[in-house]
Amino acid sequence: MTATATLSSKFQISIPKGVREELHWQAGQEFVFIPKGKGVLVMPVPELEQLAGIAKGAQTDGYRDRGDRY
C-alpha cells in the first residue's frame, strides 16, 4: 500500500485511513520514531502484556551480568 501525507505548519502528520485500518492503529496509541538514513521508521510502542513471553526459549548460556564487568 502506498499512501502520502503532508507535514502541517504545526509539524503534524495525519496517518491515512487505509494505513490505520490495515495496521489496526487506534487513537491514543503511543508510537516510537526511529531515524533510518534519510527517513524514519514509525512503530507502535507495545503494551506490557504483548511483551510477556517474548524471550521464551532464549539461550542464557554465556550470559554476562553486572558482576562480570570491570
N, C-alpha and C. Protein backbone atom coordinates (compact mmCIF):
# COMPACT_ATOMS: atom_id res chain seq x y z
N MET A 1 0.84 -1.18 0.00
CA MET A 1 0.00 0.00 0.00
C MET A 1 0.89 1.24 0.00
N THR A 2 0.62 2.15 -0.89
CA THR A 2 1.33 3.42 -0.94
C THR A 2 0.37 4.52 -0.54
N ALA A 3 0.80 5.34 0.40
CA ALA A 3 -0.02 6.46 0.86
C ALA A 3 0.90 7.62 1.17
N THR A 4 0.41 8.82 1.01
CA THR A 4 1.20 10.00 1.32
C THR A 4 0.45 10.90 2.29
N ALA A 5 1.22 11.76 2.96
CA ALA A 5 0.64 12.74 3.88
C ALA A 5 1.53 13.97 3.84
N THR A 6 1.00 15.11 4.24
CA THR A 6 1.73 16.37 4.23
C THR A 6 1.99 16.84 5.65
N LEU A 7 3.22 17.28 5.92
CA LEU A 7 3.57 17.81 7.23
C LEU A 7 2.95 19.19 7.38
N SER A 8 2.18 19.41 8.44
CA SER A 8 1.50 20.69 8.64
C SER A 8 2.46 21.72 9.23
N SER A 9 2.01 22.97 9.30
CA SER A 9 2.82 24.05 9.88
C SER A 9 3.07 23.82 11.37
N LYS A 10 2.27 22.96 11.99
CA LYS A 10 2.47 22.60 13.40
C LYS A 10 3.26 21.30 13.54
N PHE A 11 3.88 20.87 12.44
CA PHE A 11 4.70 19.65 12.38
C PHE A 11 3.90 18.40 12.74
N GLN A 12 2.68 18.32 12.24
CA GLN A 12 1.81 17.16 12.46
C GLN A 12 1.55 16.48 11.12
N ILE A 13 1.42 15.15 11.18
CA ILE A 13 1.10 14.36 10.00
C ILE A 13 -0.10 13.48 10.35
N SER A 14 -1.10 13.46 9.49
CA SER A 14 -2.24 12.56 9.67
C SER A 14 -1.93 11.25 8.95
N ILE A 15 -2.12 10.15 9.65
CA ILE A 15 -1.87 8.84 9.06
C ILE A 15 -3.08 8.48 8.21
N PRO A 16 -2.87 8.15 6.94
CA PRO A 16 -4.00 7.84 6.07
C PRO A 16 -4.86 6.70 6.62
N LYS A 17 -6.16 6.80 6.39
CA LYS A 17 -7.13 5.84 6.92
C LYS A 17 -6.80 4.41 6.53
N GLY A 18 -6.41 4.19 5.28
CA GLY A 18 -6.08 2.84 4.83
C GLY A 18 -4.95 2.21 5.63
N VAL A 19 -3.94 3.01 5.96
CA VAL A 19 -2.81 2.52 6.75
C VAL A 19 -3.27 2.21 8.18
N ARG A 20 -4.03 3.12 8.78
CA ARG A 20 -4.53 2.90 10.16
C ARG A 20 -5.35 1.63 10.24
N GLU A 21 -6.23 1.42 9.26
CA GLU A 21 -7.10 0.24 9.28
C GLU A 21 -6.31 -1.04 9.06
N GLU A 22 -5.37 -1.02 8.11
CA GLU A 22 -4.59 -2.22 7.81
C GLU A 22 -3.73 -2.64 9.00
N LEU A 23 -3.18 -1.66 9.72
CA LEU A 23 -2.29 -1.94 10.85
C LEU A 23 -3.02 -1.95 12.20
N HIS A 24 -4.32 -1.69 12.18
CA HIS A 24 -5.16 -1.68 13.39
C HIS A 24 -4.66 -0.67 14.43
N TRP A 25 -4.23 0.51 13.96
CA TRP A 25 -3.79 1.57 14.86
C TRP A 25 -5.01 2.32 15.36
N GLN A 26 -4.98 2.71 16.64
CA GLN A 26 -6.10 3.39 17.28
C GLN A 26 -5.68 4.76 17.80
N ALA A 27 -6.64 5.64 17.96
CA ALA A 27 -6.38 6.97 18.55
C ALA A 27 -5.87 6.78 19.97
N GLY A 28 -4.88 7.56 20.35
CA GLY A 28 -4.32 7.48 21.69
C GLY A 28 -3.17 6.50 21.83
N GLN A 29 -2.93 5.71 20.78
CA GLN A 29 -1.84 4.74 20.81
C GLN A 29 -0.50 5.48 20.75
N GLU A 30 0.50 4.99 21.49
CA GLU A 30 1.81 5.62 21.55
C GLU A 30 2.73 5.02 20.49
N PHE A 31 3.56 5.87 19.86
CA PHE A 31 4.47 5.43 18.80
C PHE A 31 5.89 5.87 19.09
N VAL A 32 6.84 5.14 18.52
CA VAL A 32 8.26 5.49 18.62
C VAL A 32 8.74 5.84 17.21
N PHE A 33 9.63 6.82 17.12
CA PHE A 33 10.19 7.26 15.84
C PHE A 33 11.67 6.92 15.84
N ILE A 34 12.08 6.08 14.88
CA ILE A 34 13.46 5.61 14.81
C ILE A 34 14.08 6.14 13.51
N PRO A 35 15.08 7.05 13.61
CA PRO A 35 15.72 7.57 12.40
C PRO A 35 16.41 6.45 11.62
N LYS A 36 16.18 6.42 10.32
CA LYS A 36 16.79 5.42 9.43
C LYS A 36 17.28 6.14 8.17
N GLY A 37 18.55 6.42 8.09
CA GLY A 37 19.09 7.11 6.92
C GLY A 37 18.43 8.47 6.74
N LYS A 38 17.78 8.66 5.59
CA LYS A 38 17.10 9.93 5.31
C LYS A 38 15.62 9.87 5.66
N GLY A 39 15.19 8.78 6.28
CA GLY A 39 13.78 8.63 6.65
C GLY A 39 13.63 8.31 8.12
N VAL A 40 12.44 7.83 8.46
CA VAL A 40 12.15 7.49 9.85
C VAL A 40 11.22 6.28 9.86
N LEU A 41 11.45 5.37 10.79
CA LEU A 41 10.61 4.21 10.99
C LEU A 41 9.64 4.53 12.12
N VAL A 42 8.36 4.38 11.89
CA VAL A 42 7.33 4.67 12.89
C VAL A 42 6.73 3.34 13.32
N MET A 43 6.82 3.05 14.62
CA MET A 43 6.29 1.79 15.13
C MET A 43 5.51 2.03 16.41
N PRO A 44 4.42 1.29 16.61
CA PRO A 44 3.68 1.43 17.86
C PRO A 44 4.49 0.85 19.03
N VAL A 45 4.42 1.50 20.17
CA VAL A 45 5.07 1.00 21.38
C VAL A 45 4.20 -0.14 21.90
N PRO A 46 4.78 -1.32 22.10
CA PRO A 46 3.97 -2.46 22.55
C PRO A 46 3.49 -2.28 23.98
N GLU A 47 2.32 -2.85 24.25
CA GLU A 47 1.79 -2.87 25.61
C GLU A 47 2.57 -3.93 26.40
N LEU A 48 2.63 -3.79 27.72
CA LEU A 48 3.36 -4.71 28.58
C LEU A 48 2.88 -6.14 28.37
N GLU A 49 1.58 -6.33 28.19
CA GLU A 49 1.02 -7.67 28.01
C GLU A 49 1.55 -8.32 26.72
N GLN A 50 1.82 -7.52 25.71
CA GLN A 50 2.32 -8.04 24.44
C GLN A 50 3.75 -8.54 24.56
N LEU A 51 4.48 -8.08 25.57
CA LEU A 51 5.88 -8.47 25.75
C LEU A 51 6.03 -9.74 26.57
N ALA A 52 4.98 -10.18 27.24
CA ALA A 52 5.04 -11.37 28.07
C ALA A 52 5.42 -12.58 27.22
N GLY A 53 6.48 -13.29 27.62
CA GLY A 53 6.91 -14.48 26.93
C GLY A 53 7.74 -14.24 25.69
N ILE A 54 8.13 -13.00 25.42
CA ILE A 54 8.85 -12.69 24.19
C ILE A 54 10.23 -13.36 24.15
N ALA A 55 10.84 -13.61 25.31
CA ALA A 55 12.17 -14.22 25.35
C ALA A 55 12.11 -15.70 25.70
N LYS A 56 10.93 -16.29 25.63
CA LYS A 56 10.76 -17.70 25.96
C LYS A 56 11.66 -18.54 25.04
N GLY A 57 12.44 -19.42 25.65
CA GLY A 57 13.33 -20.27 24.88
C GLY A 57 14.66 -19.64 24.54
N ALA A 58 14.91 -18.41 25.01
CA ALA A 58 16.18 -17.75 24.73
C ALA A 58 17.31 -18.49 25.42
N GLN A 59 18.45 -18.58 24.75
CA GLN A 59 19.59 -19.25 25.33
C GLN A 59 20.26 -18.33 26.34
N THR A 60 20.47 -18.81 27.55
CA THR A 60 21.08 -17.99 28.60
C THR A 60 22.52 -18.39 28.86
N ASP A 61 23.06 -19.37 28.12
CA ASP A 61 24.46 -19.75 28.26
C ASP A 61 25.35 -18.58 27.86
N GLY A 62 26.39 -18.33 28.64
CA GLY A 62 27.31 -17.25 28.32
C GLY A 62 26.77 -15.88 28.69
N TYR A 63 25.65 -15.82 29.41
CA TYR A 63 25.06 -14.54 29.80
C TYR A 63 25.99 -13.83 30.78
N ARG A 64 26.21 -12.56 30.56
CA ARG A 64 27.02 -11.75 31.46
C ARG A 64 26.13 -10.81 32.24
N ASP A 65 26.35 -10.72 33.53
CA ASP A 65 25.59 -9.74 34.31
C ASP A 65 26.55 -8.69 34.83
N ARG A 66 26.09 -7.81 35.66
CA ARG A 66 26.91 -6.68 36.13
C ARG A 66 28.18 -7.15 36.87
N GLY A 67 28.13 -8.31 37.52
CA GLY A 67 29.29 -8.82 38.24
C GLY A 67 30.44 -9.22 37.32
N ASP A 68 30.16 -9.43 36.03
CA ASP A 68 31.19 -9.84 35.07
C ASP A 68 31.92 -8.65 34.46
N ARG A 69 31.51 -7.46 34.77
CA ARG A 69 32.10 -6.26 34.14
C ARG A 69 33.27 -5.77 34.96
N TYR A 70 34.06 -4.89 34.36
CA TYR A 70 35.22 -4.32 35.05
C TYR A 70 34.79 -3.41 36.17
